[in-house]
């Protein structure tokens, strides 16, 4: 005699798998792997954090005041960099699960990328005082 699975048990299993699959998808904006789909994050001079997670920068646009110190936390297992297009900062390699700090001094928009994974991009908007 073959064991049988009730329809209620099967439905529960399918629902659990569906929820797990959706949770694994995260908040991907479908932009092809560039900056994260996170939008802008608050202005201010102190305590700003840029997170690298799932090969994306979070937030995609970080708003800070001139002179802000930004902590860059790499939550991935792979090394990454945060390298300004204008040369104003470069973290060098940040190993997985490590962090570094950068300071931005001049007002304006600074585009940056990961030198290792150049499809990873983001923006720091420096404004105010």
Protein backbone atom coordinates (compact mmCIF):
# COMPACT_ATOMS: atom_id res chain seq x y z
CA UNK A 1 0.00 0.00 0.00
CA UNK A 2 1.37 3.42 -0.98
CA UNK A 3 1.39 6.27 1.52
CA UNK A 4 -0.92 9.15 0.60
CA UNK A 5 -0.70 12.85 1.30
CA UNK A 6 -3.84 14.72 2.13
CA UNK A 7 -4.69 17.75 -0.01
CA UNK A 8 -4.49 19.94 3.11
CA UNK A 9 -0.91 18.78 3.82
CA UNK A 10 0.09 19.30 0.17
CA UNK A 11 -1.45 22.78 0.09
CA UNK A 12 0.34 23.76 3.31
CA UNK A 13 3.66 22.59 1.83
CA UNK A 14 3.11 24.54 -1.40
CA UNK A 15 2.14 27.68 0.53
CA UNK A 16 5.25 27.40 2.70
CA UNK A 17 7.47 27.05 -0.37
CA UNK A 18 5.80 30.05 -2.03
CA UNK A 19 6.37 32.25 1.04
CA UNK A 20 10.00 31.13 1.25
CA UNK A 21 10.55 31.86 -2.44
CA UNK A 22 9.06 35.34 -2.14
CA UNK A 23 11.16 36.10 0.93
CA UNK A 24 14.31 35.01 -0.92
CA UNK A 25 13.54 37.44 -3.74
CA UNK A 26 13.96 40.41 -1.44
CA UNK A 27 13.32 43.93 -2.70
CA UNK A 28 14.98 43.64 -6.09
CA UNK A 29 13.91 46.47 -8.35
CA UNK A 30 14.74 44.45 -11.44
CA UNK A 31 17.21 47.07 -12.64
CA UNK A 32 19.75 44.53 -13.79
CA UNK A 33 22.06 44.53 -10.79
CA UNK A 34 23.05 48.18 -10.51
CA UNK A 35 22.38 50.21 -7.43
CA UNK A 36 19.91 48.76 -5.01
CA UNK A 37 16.25 49.59 -5.36
CA UNK A 38 16.31 51.45 -2.05
CA UNK A 39 15.86 55.15 -2.91
CA UNK A 40 17.35 57.97 -0.88
CA UNK A 41 18.34 57.96 2.76
CA UNK A 42 18.39 60.92 5.14
CA UNK A 43 20.80 63.82 5.32
CA UNK A 44 23.08 64.53 8.20
CA UNK A 45 26.68 64.89 9.19
CA UNK A 46 27.23 61.96 11.53
CA UNK A 47 26.25 58.35 11.77
CA UNK A 48 25.58 57.70 8.09
CA UNK A 49 25.91 54.09 6.96
CA UNK A 50 26.23 52.57 3.50
CA UNK A 51 25.61 48.82 3.44
CA UNK A 52 26.83 46.39 0.78
CA UNK A 53 24.50 43.42 0.65
CA UNK A 54 23.69 40.94 -2.12
CA UNK A 55 26.11 42.75 -4.45
CA UNK A 56 24.19 46.04 -4.13
CA UNK A 57 24.68 49.29 -2.25
CA UNK A 58 21.94 50.22 0.23
CA UNK A 59 20.63 52.85 -0.04
CA UNK A 60 21.08 53.47 -3.77
CA UNK A 61 21.34 57.21 -3.03
CA UNK A 62 22.73 58.37 0.31
CA UNK A 63 22.13 62.01 1.27
CA UNK A 64 24.68 63.59 3.61
CA UNK A 65 26.06 66.98 4.64
CA UNK A 66 29.56 68.14 3.71
CA UNK A 67 32.13 66.66 6.08
CA UNK A 68 29.99 63.60 6.80
CA UNK A 69 31.71 60.44 7.91
CA UNK A 70 30.13 57.41 6.28
CA UNK A 71 30.60 53.89 7.61
CA UNK A 72 30.65 51.34 4.80
CA UNK A 73 29.61 47.87 5.99
CA UNK A 74 30.19 44.90 3.69
CA UNK A 75 27.63 42.25 4.61
CA UNK A 76 28.56 40.05 1.65
CA UNK A 77 31.08 37.23 1.75
CA UNK A 78 33.01 38.71 -1.19
CA UNK A 79 35.31 41.74 -1.13
CA UNK A 80 34.01 45.04 -2.58
CA UNK A 81 35.17 48.65 -2.94
CA UNK A 82 33.44 52.02 -2.83
CA UNK A 83 35.33 54.12 -5.36
CA UNK A 84 34.25 57.65 -6.31
CA UNK A 85 34.12 58.48 -10.01
CA UNK A 86 35.72 61.86 -9.29
CA UNK A 87 38.53 60.31 -7.23
CA UNK A 88 37.44 62.00 -3.99
CA UNK A 89 37.42 58.71 -2.04
CA UNK A 90 38.31 55.04 -2.42
CA UNK A 91 37.88 52.49 0.33
CA UNK A 92 40.20 49.96 -1.27
CA UNK A 93 39.10 46.36 -0.81
CA UNK A 94 36.61 45.82 2.01
CA UNK A 95 36.71 42.13 2.78
CA UNK A 96 33.47 40.26 3.46
CA UNK A 97 31.87 41.06 6.84
CA UNK A 98 34.27 44.01 7.36
CA UNK A 99 33.75 47.76 7.35
CA UNK A 100 35.63 50.97 6.52
CA UNK A 101 34.94 54.67 6.84
CA UNK A 102 35.01 57.45 4.25
CA UNK A 103 34.54 61.20 4.58
CA UNK A 104 32.93 63.41 1.93
CA UNK A 105 33.86 67.07 2.03
CA UNK A 106 32.53 68.92 -0.99
CA UNK A 107 28.90 69.54 -1.92
CA UNK A 108 27.50 67.89 -5.02
CA UNK A 109 26.58 64.51 -6.38
CA UNK A 110 29.27 61.84 -6.23
CA UNK A 111 28.76 58.70 -8.27
CA UNK A 112 30.66 55.63 -7.13
CA UNK A 113 31.17 52.00 -8.08
CA UNK A 114 32.81 48.81 -6.94
CA UNK A 115 36.13 48.39 -8.76
CA UNK A 116 35.81 44.61 -8.47
CA UNK A 117 32.17 44.35 -9.62
CA UNK A 118 31.70 47.41 -11.83
CA UNK A 119 27.98 46.84 -12.31
CA UNK A 120 27.55 47.85 -8.66
CA UNK A 121 26.91 51.60 -8.61
CA UNK A 122 25.48 54.22 -6.29
CA UNK A 123 25.30 57.94 -5.56
CA UNK A 124 26.14 60.09 -2.55
CA UNK A 125 24.34 63.45 -2.61
CA UNK A 126 26.27 65.96 -0.49
CA UNK A 127 24.28 69.10 0.33
CA UNK A 128 23.48 71.50 3.14
CA UNK A 129 25.88 72.48 5.88
